[in-house]
């Protein structure tokens, strides 16, 4: 004969399972949210070009979109940062390159990393970066000025999306932050 659990023991067991599940979801939330944003473009998260998954010949449309470039620097980073040209008009599907210029104003080397997004948010799933300085940390020596390229295109599928097809301007925004050497970069 198997022993029966009291109602209090059952409740305690269920509460323990629920607590463990909540802790598990807490640890999984950040990577799951990151995956969700990358897949859907939610919050202006851009796409990263996957050479293996790309079509051999890109489709370039006659329709154009204006891309505005925005550059910001954390107050904790002794750099200046700006786009070489604040705006560009690109053909949808065509590869284009923008140059950003960063300069270290401190007397010592400084490491920075850039966070980014695009607006409107609906454009995020169609704005694809092929190469970007934002993929790696950047180190600038004292007084050093660096030109940093970003190679991108706007996916032609944007014209088939009822929520995004009327977008005429996309803003690509970067913010440089200092890299804390004592912490792991995320």
N, C-alpha and C. Protein backbone atom coordinates (compact mmCIF):
# COMPACT_ATOMS: atom_id res chain seq x y z
N UNK A 1 0.83 -1.16 0.00
CA UNK A 1 0.00 0.00 0.00
C UNK A 1 0.89 1.25 0.00
N UNK A 2 0.60 2.19 -0.92
CA UNK A 2 1.41 3.40 -1.01
C UNK A 2 0.87 4.43 -0.03
N UNK A 3 1.79 5.15 0.63
CA UNK A 3 1.32 6.16 1.58
C UNK A 3 0.71 7.34 0.84
N UNK A 4 -0.33 7.88 1.41
CA UNK A 4 -1.00 9.06 0.84
C UNK A 4 -0.38 10.32 1.41
N UNK A 5 -0.23 11.33 0.52
CA UNK A 5 0.31 12.60 0.96
C UNK A 5 -0.82 13.46 1.53
N UNK A 6 -0.48 14.21 2.55
CA UNK A 6 -1.48 15.11 3.13
C UNK A 6 -1.69 16.28 2.17
N UNK A 7 -2.83 16.96 2.26
CA UNK A 7 -3.06 18.12 1.40
C UNK A 7 -1.97 19.19 1.56
N UNK A 8 -1.45 19.36 2.76
CA UNK A 8 -0.38 20.35 2.98
C UNK A 8 0.89 19.94 2.25
N UNK A 9 1.21 18.66 2.23
CA UNK A 9 2.41 18.18 1.53
C UNK A 9 2.26 18.36 0.03
N UNK A 10 1.05 18.09 -0.50
CA UNK A 10 0.81 18.30 -1.93
C UNK A 10 0.98 19.77 -2.29
N UNK A 11 0.41 20.64 -1.47
CA UNK A 11 0.50 22.09 -1.72
C UNK A 11 1.97 22.54 -1.68
N UNK A 12 2.71 22.04 -0.70
CA UNK A 12 4.12 22.41 -0.58
C UNK A 12 4.91 21.91 -1.79
N UNK A 13 4.61 20.70 -2.25
CA UNK A 13 5.29 20.16 -3.43
C UNK A 13 5.00 20.97 -4.68
N UNK A 14 3.73 21.32 -4.87
CA UNK A 14 3.35 22.14 -6.03
C UNK A 14 3.98 23.53 -5.96
N UNK A 15 4.02 24.12 -4.76
CA UNK A 15 4.62 25.44 -4.59
C UNK A 15 6.12 25.37 -4.90
N UNK A 16 6.78 24.30 -4.48
CA UNK A 16 8.21 24.13 -4.76
C UNK A 16 8.45 23.99 -6.26
N UNK A 17 7.63 23.19 -6.94
CA UNK A 17 7.77 23.05 -8.40
C UNK A 17 7.54 24.38 -9.11
N UNK A 18 6.54 25.13 -8.65
CA UNK A 18 6.26 26.43 -9.25
C UNK A 18 7.44 27.38 -9.04
N UNK A 19 8.02 27.38 -7.84
CA UNK A 19 9.17 28.24 -7.56
C UNK A 19 10.36 27.86 -8.45
N UNK A 20 10.63 26.58 -8.61
CA UNK A 20 11.72 26.12 -9.48
C UNK A 20 11.46 26.52 -10.94
N UNK A 21 10.23 26.38 -11.38
CA UNK A 21 9.90 26.78 -12.75
C UNK A 21 10.10 28.27 -12.94
N UNK A 22 9.74 29.08 -11.97
CA UNK A 22 9.90 30.54 -12.08
C UNK A 22 11.38 30.91 -12.12
N UNK A 23 12.21 30.24 -11.31
CA UNK A 23 13.66 30.49 -11.35
C UNK A 23 14.22 30.11 -12.72
N UNK A 24 13.80 28.97 -13.24
CA UNK A 24 14.25 28.55 -14.57
C UNK A 24 13.87 29.54 -15.65
N UNK A 25 12.63 30.03 -15.60
CA UNK A 25 12.19 31.03 -16.58
C UNK A 25 12.96 32.33 -16.42
N UNK A 26 13.29 32.68 -15.18
CA UNK A 26 14.08 33.89 -14.95
C UNK A 26 15.43 33.82 -15.64
N UNK A 27 16.10 32.66 -15.56
CA UNK A 27 17.39 32.50 -16.22
C UNK A 27 17.24 32.43 -17.74
N UNK A 28 16.14 31.89 -18.22
CA UNK A 28 15.94 31.74 -19.67
C UNK A 28 15.38 33.00 -20.31
N UNK A 29 14.88 33.94 -19.53
CA UNK A 29 14.18 35.10 -20.09
C UNK A 29 15.06 35.95 -20.99
N UNK A 30 16.28 36.25 -20.56
CA UNK A 30 17.14 37.13 -21.36
C UNK A 30 17.50 36.50 -22.70
N UNK A 31 18.01 35.24 -22.73
CA UNK A 31 18.32 34.68 -24.05
C UNK A 31 17.09 34.47 -24.92
N UNK A 32 15.96 34.13 -24.32
CA UNK A 32 14.74 33.95 -25.11
C UNK A 32 14.26 35.28 -25.67
N UNK A 33 14.33 36.35 -24.87
CA UNK A 33 13.93 37.67 -25.35
C UNK A 33 14.86 38.13 -26.47
N UNK A 34 16.18 37.90 -26.31
CA UNK A 34 17.14 38.26 -27.36
C UNK A 34 16.83 37.52 -28.65
N UNK A 35 16.55 36.23 -28.56
CA UNK A 35 16.20 35.44 -29.74
C UNK A 35 14.92 35.96 -30.38
N UNK A 36 13.91 36.26 -29.57
CA UNK A 36 12.65 36.79 -30.07
C UNK A 36 12.89 38.10 -30.83
N UNK A 37 13.68 39.00 -30.25
CA UNK A 37 13.95 40.30 -30.90
C UNK A 37 14.70 40.14 -32.21
N UNK A 38 15.67 39.22 -32.26
CA UNK A 38 16.43 39.03 -33.48
C UNK A 38 15.59 38.42 -34.59
N UNK A 39 14.68 37.53 -34.23
CA UNK A 39 13.85 36.86 -35.24
C UNK A 39 12.78 37.80 -35.76
N UNK A 40 12.17 38.58 -34.87
CA UNK A 40 11.03 39.41 -35.26
C UNK A 40 11.39 40.85 -35.57
N UNK A 41 12.59 41.30 -35.17
CA UNK A 41 12.93 42.71 -35.33
C UNK A 41 12.28 43.57 -34.28
N UNK A 42 11.71 42.96 -33.23
CA UNK A 42 11.02 43.69 -32.17
C UNK A 42 11.95 44.71 -31.54
N UNK A 43 11.41 45.88 -31.25
CA UNK A 43 12.19 46.92 -30.59
C UNK A 43 13.27 47.50 -31.47
N UNK A 44 13.16 47.33 -32.78
CA UNK A 44 14.15 47.89 -33.68
C UNK A 44 15.42 47.08 -33.78
N UNK A 45 15.38 45.83 -33.31
CA UNK A 45 16.56 44.98 -33.42
C UNK A 45 16.80 44.64 -34.88
N UNK A 46 18.00 44.90 -35.34
CA UNK A 46 18.32 44.66 -36.75
C UNK A 46 18.67 43.19 -36.96
N UNK A 47 18.72 42.79 -38.20
CA UNK A 47 19.10 41.44 -38.57
C UNK A 47 20.60 41.43 -38.89
N UNK A 48 21.21 40.26 -38.74
CA UNK A 48 22.62 40.09 -39.09
C UNK A 48 22.66 39.18 -40.31
N UNK A 49 23.39 39.60 -41.30
CA UNK A 49 23.49 38.89 -42.57
C UNK A 49 24.09 37.51 -42.36
N UNK A 50 23.44 36.50 -42.92
CA UNK A 50 23.93 35.13 -42.88
C UNK A 50 24.25 34.73 -44.31
N UNK A 51 25.53 34.70 -44.63
CA UNK A 51 25.97 34.42 -45.99
C UNK A 51 25.47 33.07 -46.49
N UNK A 52 25.42 32.07 -45.61
CA UNK A 52 24.99 30.73 -46.01
C UNK A 52 23.51 30.70 -46.38
N UNK A 53 22.70 31.52 -45.71
CA UNK A 53 21.26 31.50 -45.95
C UNK A 53 20.83 32.48 -47.04
N UNK A 54 21.73 33.32 -47.48
CA UNK A 54 21.38 34.37 -48.44
C UNK A 54 21.25 33.82 -49.85
N UNK A 55 20.42 34.49 -50.63
CA UNK A 55 20.28 34.15 -52.04
C UNK A 55 21.56 34.54 -52.77
N UNK A 56 21.85 33.86 -53.85
CA UNK A 56 23.08 34.13 -54.61
C UNK A 56 23.08 35.55 -55.19
N UNK A 57 22.01 35.95 -55.80
CA UNK A 57 21.90 37.28 -56.40
C UNK A 57 20.91 38.12 -55.60
N UNK A 58 21.36 39.22 -55.02
CA UNK A 58 20.41 40.06 -54.29
C UNK A 58 19.43 40.73 -55.24
N UNK A 59 18.22 40.91 -54.78
CA UNK A 59 17.19 41.59 -55.56
C UNK A 59 17.23 43.06 -55.17
N UNK A 60 17.46 43.93 -56.15
CA UNK A 60 17.52 45.36 -55.91
C UNK A 60 16.31 45.99 -56.58
N UNK A 61 15.54 46.73 -55.80
CA UNK A 61 14.33 47.39 -56.31
C UNK A 61 14.65 48.82 -56.74
N UNK A 62 13.78 49.38 -57.54
CA UNK A 62 13.94 50.79 -57.93
C UNK A 62 13.48 51.71 -56.80
N UNK A 63 12.68 51.19 -55.90
CA UNK A 63 12.19 52.00 -54.77
C UNK A 63 13.34 52.27 -53.80
N UNK A 64 13.36 53.47 -53.27
CA UNK A 64 14.41 53.85 -52.32
C UNK A 64 13.81 54.15 -50.96
N UNK A 65 14.70 54.19 -49.97
CA UNK A 65 14.32 54.57 -48.62
C UNK A 65 15.45 55.46 -48.08
N UNK A 66 15.08 56.44 -47.29
CA UNK A 66 16.06 57.32 -46.68
C UNK A 66 16.52 56.68 -45.37
N UNK A 67 17.84 56.64 -45.16
CA UNK A 67 18.38 56.12 -43.91
C UNK A 67 19.10 57.26 -43.20
N UNK A 68 18.66 57.53 -41.99
CA UNK A 68 19.26 58.58 -41.15
C UNK A 68 20.16 57.89 -40.14
N UNK A 69 21.34 58.45 -39.90
CA UNK A 69 22.31 57.87 -38.98
C UNK A 69 22.42 58.73 -37.73
N UNK A 70 22.29 58.09 -36.58
CA UNK A 70 22.30 58.77 -35.29
C UNK A 70 23.43 58.19 -34.45
N UNK A 71 24.23 59.04 -33.83
CA UNK A 71 25.37 58.58 -33.04
C UNK A 71 25.33 59.23 -31.66
N UNK A 72 25.47 58.41 -30.63
CA UNK A 72 25.44 58.89 -29.25
C UNK A 72 26.58 58.25 -28.47
N UNK A 73 26.98 58.91 -27.38
CA UNK A 73 28.06 58.41 -26.53
C UNK A 73 27.61 58.50 -25.09
N UNK A 74 27.84 57.43 -24.34
CA UNK A 74 27.57 57.45 -22.91
C UNK A 74 28.41 58.56 -22.26
N UNK A 75 27.85 59.26 -21.27
CA UNK A 75 28.64 60.30 -20.58
C UNK A 75 29.89 59.74 -19.90
N UNK A 76 29.94 58.43 -19.67
CA UNK A 76 31.09 57.80 -19.02
C UNK A 76 32.21 57.47 -19.99
N UNK A 77 32.00 57.72 -21.28
CA UNK A 77 33.00 57.39 -22.29
C UNK A 77 33.58 58.69 -22.85
N UNK A 78 34.90 58.90 -22.74
CA UNK A 78 35.50 60.16 -23.20
C UNK A 78 35.76 60.20 -24.71
N UNK A 79 34.74 59.88 -25.46
CA UNK A 79 34.84 59.86 -26.91
C UNK A 79 33.87 60.85 -27.52
N UNK A 80 34.17 61.25 -28.75
CA UNK A 80 33.16 61.86 -29.61
C UNK A 80 32.85 60.81 -30.69
N UNK A 81 31.65 60.87 -31.20
CA UNK A 81 31.21 59.84 -32.15
C UNK A 81 30.14 60.47 -33.03
N UNK A 82 30.31 60.33 -34.35
CA UNK A 82 29.36 60.95 -35.27
C UNK A 82 29.36 60.21 -36.59
N UNK A 83 28.25 60.31 -37.34
CA UNK A 83 28.26 59.75 -38.70
C UNK A 83 29.00 60.70 -39.63
N UNK A 84 29.71 60.14 -40.60
CA UNK A 84 30.39 60.98 -41.60
C UNK A 84 29.35 61.76 -42.41
N UNK A 85 28.27 61.09 -42.77
CA UNK A 85 27.14 61.73 -43.46
C UNK A 85 25.88 61.37 -42.68
N UNK A 86 25.11 62.33 -42.24
CA UNK A 86 23.96 62.04 -41.38
C UNK A 86 22.77 61.36 -42.08
N UNK A 87 22.77 61.32 -43.40
CA UNK A 87 21.63 60.75 -44.11
C UNK A 87 22.09 60.19 -45.45
N UNK A 88 21.39 59.12 -45.90
CA UNK A 88 21.70 58.53 -47.20
C UNK A 88 20.38 58.01 -47.78
N UNK A 89 20.28 57.99 -49.08
CA UNK A 89 19.14 57.39 -49.76
C UNK A 89 19.65 56.13 -50.44
N UNK A 90 19.00 55.00 -50.13
CA UNK A 90 19.46 53.72 -50.66
C UNK A 90 18.34 53.01 -51.39
N UNK A 91 18.71 52.27 -52.42
CA UNK A 91 17.75 51.42 -53.12
C UNK A 91 17.48 50.20 -52.25
N UNK A 92 16.23 49.83 -52.12
CA UNK A 92 15.88 48.66 -51.32
C UNK A 92 16.49 47.43 -51.97
N UNK A 93 17.23 46.66 -51.17
CA UNK A 93 17.91 45.46 -51.64
C UNK A 93 19.38 45.69 -51.98
N UNK A 94 19.77 46.93 -52.20
CA UNK A 94 21.16 47.23 -52.56
C UNK A 94 22.02 47.37 -51.30
N UNK A 95 23.24 46.85 -51.38
CA UNK A 95 24.17 47.02 -50.28
C UNK A 95 24.64 48.47 -50.24
N UNK A 96 24.81 48.98 -49.04
CA UNK A 96 25.28 50.34 -48.87
C UNK A 96 26.23 50.37 -47.67
N UNK A 97 27.05 51.42 -47.61
CA UNK A 97 27.97 51.55 -46.49
C UNK A 97 27.87 52.94 -45.90
N UNK A 98 27.88 52.97 -44.57
CA UNK A 98 27.93 54.23 -43.85
C UNK A 98 29.20 54.21 -43.00
N UNK A 99 29.78 55.38 -42.82
CA UNK A 99 31.00 55.50 -42.02
C UNK A 99 30.67 56.35 -40.79
N UNK A 100 31.11 55.85 -39.64
CA UNK A 100 31.01 56.61 -38.39
C UNK A 100 32.42 56.92 -37.93
N UNK A 101 32.59 58.06 -37.29
CA UNK A 101 33.90 58.50 -36.85
C UNK A 101 33.88 58.63 -35.33
N UNK A 102 34.83 57.95 -34.68
CA UNK A 102 34.97 58.01 -33.22
C UNK A 102 36.35 58.55 -32.89
N UNK A 103 36.43 59.31 -31.80
CA UNK A 103 37.71 59.85 -31.36
C UNK A 103 37.79 59.77 -29.85
N UNK A 104 38.94 59.31 -29.36
CA UNK A 104 39.20 59.19 -27.93
C UNK A 104 39.83 60.50 -27.45
N UNK A 105 39.19 61.15 -26.49
CA UNK A 105 39.69 62.43 -25.96
C UNK A 105 40.42 62.26 -24.64
N UNK A 106 40.66 61.03 -24.22
CA UNK A 106 41.34 60.81 -22.94
C UNK A 106 42.83 60.57 -23.16
N UNK A 107 43.62 60.68 -22.09
CA UNK A 107 45.07 60.44 -22.20
C UNK A 107 45.46 58.96 -22.12
N UNK A 108 44.48 58.08 -22.12
CA UNK A 108 44.78 56.64 -22.05
C UNK A 108 43.89 55.87 -23.01
N UNK A 109 44.28 54.63 -23.35
CA UNK A 109 43.44 53.82 -24.23
C UNK A 109 42.10 53.54 -23.56
N UNK A 110 41.04 53.54 -24.38
CA UNK A 110 39.70 53.28 -23.87
C UNK A 110 39.00 52.29 -24.79
N UNK A 111 38.34 51.30 -24.17
CA UNK A 111 37.62 50.28 -24.92
C UNK A 111 36.13 50.60 -24.82
N UNK A 112 35.46 50.56 -25.98
CA UNK A 112 34.02 50.82 -26.02
C UNK A 112 33.29 49.78 -26.84
N UNK A 113 32.00 49.69 -26.62
CA UNK A 113 31.15 48.81 -27.40
C UNK A 113 29.87 49.57 -27.74
N UNK A 114 29.31 49.27 -28.90
CA UNK A 114 28.14 50.01 -29.37
C UNK A 114 26.88 49.16 -29.28
N UNK A 115 25.84 49.75 -28.74
CA UNK A 115 24.50 49.15 -28.82
C UNK A 115 23.79 49.86 -29.97
N UNK A 116 22.76 49.24 -30.52
CA UNK A 116 22.15 49.80 -31.71
C UNK A 116 20.68 49.42 -31.80
N UNK A 117 19.96 50.17 -32.59
CA UNK A 117 18.59 49.80 -32.98
C UNK A 117 18.19 50.64 -34.18
N UNK A 118 17.06 50.30 -34.76
CA UNK A 118 16.50 51.10 -35.84
C UNK A 118 15.08 51.50 -35.47
N UNK A 119 14.67 52.63 -36.00
CA UNK A 119 13.27 53.05 -35.89
C UNK A 119 12.81 53.43 -37.28
N UNK A 120 11.56 53.24 -37.59
CA UNK A 120 10.53 52.64 -36.76
C UNK A 120 10.82 51.16 -36.48
N UNK A 121 10.27 50.67 -35.39
CA UNK A 121 10.53 49.29 -34.97
C UNK A 121 10.22 48.28 -36.07
N UNK A 122 9.19 48.53 -36.86
CA UNK A 122 8.79 47.58 -37.92
C UNK A 122 9.88 47.40 -38.96
N UNK A 123 10.81 48.33 -39.07
CA UNK A 123 11.89 48.22 -40.04
C UNK A 123 13.00 47.29 -39.56
N UNK A 124 13.03 46.98 -38.27
CA UNK A 124 14.10 46.17 -37.71
C UNK A 124 14.26 44.81 -38.35
N UNK A 125 13.15 44.18 -38.70
CA UNK A 125 13.26 42.84 -39.28
C UNK A 125 13.75 42.88 -40.72
N UNK A 126 13.79 44.06 -41.35
CA UNK A 126 14.23 44.18 -42.75
C UNK A 126 15.57 44.88 -42.91
N UNK A 127 16.07 45.49 -41.84
CA UNK A 127 17.36 46.18 -41.89
C UNK A 127 18.44 45.18 -41.51
N UNK A 128 19.29 44.82 -42.47
CA UNK A 128 20.26 43.75 -42.27
C UNK A 128 21.68 44.32 -42.34
N UNK A 129 22.45 44.05 -41.30
CA UNK A 129 23.85 44.48 -41.28
C UNK A 129 24.73 43.31 -41.72
N UNK A 130 25.60 43.59 -42.69
CA UNK A 130 26.52 42.59 -43.22
C UNK A 130 27.82 42.63 -42.41
N UNK A 131 28.36 43.81 -42.22
CA UNK A 131 29.53 44.04 -41.38
C UNK A 131 29.27 45.27 -40.55
N UNK A 132 29.77 45.25 -39.30
CA UNK A 132 29.53 46.40 -38.44
C UNK A 132 30.57 46.46 -37.33
N UNK A 133 31.01 47.65 -37.03
CA UNK A 133 31.91 47.87 -35.90
C UNK A 133 31.23 47.48 -34.58
N UNK A 134 29.90 47.43 -34.61
CA UNK A 134 29.16 47.10 -33.40
C UNK A 134 29.21 45.62 -33.06
N UNK A 135 29.73 44.79 -33.94
CA UNK A 135 29.83 43.36 -33.67
C UNK A 135 30.98 43.04 -32.72
N UNK A 136 31.93 43.97 -32.55
CA UNK A 136 33.09 43.73 -31.68
C UNK A 136 33.37 44.98 -30.84
N UNK A 137 34.14 44.79 -29.77
CA UNK A 137 34.58 45.91 -28.96
C UNK A 137 35.63 46.70 -29.73
N UNK A 138 35.67 48.01 -29.49
CA UNK A 138 36.63 48.88 -30.17
C UNK A 138 37.55 49.50 -29.14
N UNK A 139 38.84 49.55 -29.43
CA UNK A 139 39.81 50.19 -28.55
C UNK A 139 40.41 51.37 -29.30
N UNK A 140 40.34 52.54 -28.68
CA UNK A 140 40.96 53.73 -29.25
C UNK A 140 42.09 54.17 -28.33
N UNK A 141 43.24 54.42 -28.92
CA UNK A 141 44.39 54.92 -28.18
C UNK A 141 44.17 56.40 -27.87
N UNK A 142 44.99 56.98 -26.98
CA UNK A 142 44.81 58.40 -26.63
C UNK A 142 44.86 59.29 -27.88
N UNK A 143 43.85 60.11 -28.06
CA UNK A 143 43.79 61.02 -29.19
C UNK A 143 43.50 60.37 -30.54
N UNK A 144 43.35 59.08 -30.58
CA UNK A 144 43.13 58.38 -31.85
C UNK A 144 41.73 58.65 -32.39
N UNK A 145 41.67 58.85 -33.70
CA UNK A 145 40.40 58.97 -34.40
C UNK A 145 40.29 57.77 -35.34
N UNK A 146 39.12 57.16 -35.38
CA UNK A 146 38.93 55.96 -36.20
C UNK A 146 37.66 56.09 -37.04
N UNK A 147 37.79 55.70 -38.31
CA UNK A 147 36.62 55.60 -39.19
C UNK A 147 36.09 54.18 -39.08
N UNK A 148 34.81 54.04 -38.78
CA UNK A 148 34.22 52.72 -38.55
C UNK A 148 33.06 52.52 -39.52
N UNK A 149 33.19 51.53 -40.42
CA UNK A 149 32.13 51.30 -41.40
C UNK A 149 31.05 50.35 -40.90
N UNK A 150 29.87 50.52 -41.46
CA UNK A 150 28.79 49.55 -41.32
C UNK A 150 28.26 49.30 -42.73
N UNK A 151 28.23 48.03 -43.12
CA UNK A 151 27.74 47.62 -44.44
C UNK A 151 26.37 46.99 -44.22
N UNK A 152 25.36 47.46 -44.96
CA UNK A 152 23.98 47.04 -44.69
C UNK A 152 23.15 47.03 -45.96
N UNK A 153 21.93 46.48 -45.85
CA UNK A 153 20.92 46.62 -46.90
C UNK A 153 19.55 46.51 -46.26
N UNK A 154 18.55 47.00 -46.98
CA UNK A 154 17.16 46.88 -46.55
C UNK A 154 16.55 45.77 -47.39
N UNK A 155 16.08 44.73 -46.72
CA UNK A 155 15.53 43.55 -47.39
C UNK A 155 14.32 43.92 -48.24
N UNK A 156 14.28 43.48 -49.51
CA UNK A 156 13.14 43.78 -50.38
C UNK A 156 11.80 43.27 -49.84
N UNK A 157 11.82 42.32 -48.92
CA UNK A 157 10.57 41.81 -48.35
C UNK A 157 9.80 42.89 -47.60
N UNK A 158 10.44 44.02 -47.32
CA UNK A 158 9.77 45.11 -46.62
C UNK A 158 8.55 45.61 -47.41
N UNK A 159 8.61 45.54 -48.75
CA UNK A 159 7.50 46.05 -49.57
C UNK A 159 6.28 45.15 -49.52
N UNK A 160 6.44 43.91 -49.03
CA UNK A 160 5.31 42.98 -48.93
C UNK A 160 4.67 42.98 -47.55
N UNK A 161 5.26 43.68 -46.60
CA UNK A 161 4.75 43.72 -45.23
C UNK A 161 3.81 44.92 -45.07
N UNK A 162 2.52 44.67 -44.81
CA UNK A 162 1.57 45.79 -44.69
C UNK A 162 1.93 46.76 -43.56
N UNK A 163 2.66 46.30 -42.55
CA UNK A 163 3.05 47.17 -41.44
C UNK A 163 4.30 47.97 -41.73
N UNK A 164 5.05 47.60 -42.76
CA UNK A 164 6.33 48.26 -43.02
C UNK A 164 6.47 48.83 -44.42
N UNK A 165 5.60 48.47 -45.34
CA UNK A 165 5.82 48.85 -46.74
C UNK A 165 5.74 50.36 -47.01
N UNK A 166 5.11 51.11 -46.12
CA UNK A 166 5.01 52.56 -46.34
C UNK A 166 6.12 53.35 -45.65
N UNK A 167 7.07 52.64 -45.04
CA UNK A 167 8.18 53.31 -44.37
C UNK A 167 9.04 54.01 -45.43
N UNK A 168 9.26 55.31 -45.22
CA UNK A 168 10.08 56.08 -46.15
C UNK A 168 11.41 56.49 -45.55
N UNK A 169 11.51 56.43 -44.21
CA UNK A 169 12.77 56.78 -43.55
C UNK A 169 13.03 55.80 -42.40
N UNK A 170 14.26 55.33 -42.34
CA UNK A 170 14.71 54.44 -41.27
C UNK A 170 15.85 55.16 -40.56
N UNK A 171 15.82 55.15 -39.24
CA UNK A 171 16.91 55.73 -38.46
C UNK A 171 17.72 54.60 -37.84
N UNK A 172 19.01 54.56 -38.15
CA UNK A 172 19.94 53.62 -37.55
C UNK A 172 20.68 54.37 -36.45
N UNK A 173 20.49 53.93 -35.21
CA UNK A 173 21.03 54.65 -34.06
C UNK A 173 22.03 53.78 -33.30
N UNK A 174 23.15 54.39 -32.96
CA UNK A 174 24.18 53.72 -32.16
C UNK A 174 24.45 54.53 -30.90
N UNK A 175 24.75 53.82 -29.83
CA UNK A 175 25.25 54.46 -28.61
C UNK A 175 26.48 53.68 -28.16
N UNK A 176 27.61 54.39 -28.03
CA UNK A 176 28.83 53.77 -27.53
C UNK A 176 28.87 53.86 -26.02
N UNK A 177 29.26 52.74 -25.39
CA UNK A 177 29.38 52.64 -23.94
C UNK A 177 30.79 52.16 -23.61
N UNK A 178 31.31 52.54 -22.43
CA UNK A 178 32.62 51.99 -22.05
C UNK A 178 32.49 50.51 -21.71
N UNK A 179 33.55 49.77 -21.96
CA UNK A 179 33.58 48.35 -21.58
C UNK A 179 34.26 48.28 -20.22
N UNK A 180 33.55 47.76 -19.25
CA UNK A 180 34.10 47.59 -17.91
C UNK A 180 34.96 46.34 -17.92
N UNK A 181 36.25 46.50 -17.77
CA UNK A 181 37.19 45.38 -17.84
C UNK A 181 36.93 44.33 -16.76
N UNK A 182 36.26 44.72 -15.67
CA UNK A 182 36.01 43.79 -14.58
C UNK A 182 34.81 42.88 -14.82
N UNK A 183 34.01 43.21 -15.82
CA UNK A 183 32.81 42.43 -16.11
C UNK A 183 32.91 41.80 -17.48
N UNK A 184 32.20 40.69 -17.67
CA UNK A 184 32.13 40.08 -19.00
C UNK A 184 31.19 40.90 -19.87
N UNK A 185 31.56 41.06 -21.13
CA UNK A 185 30.67 41.73 -22.08
C UNK A 185 29.51 40.80 -22.40
N UNK A 186 28.32 41.40 -22.58
CA UNK A 186 27.16 40.56 -22.92
C UNK A 186 26.74 40.77 -24.34
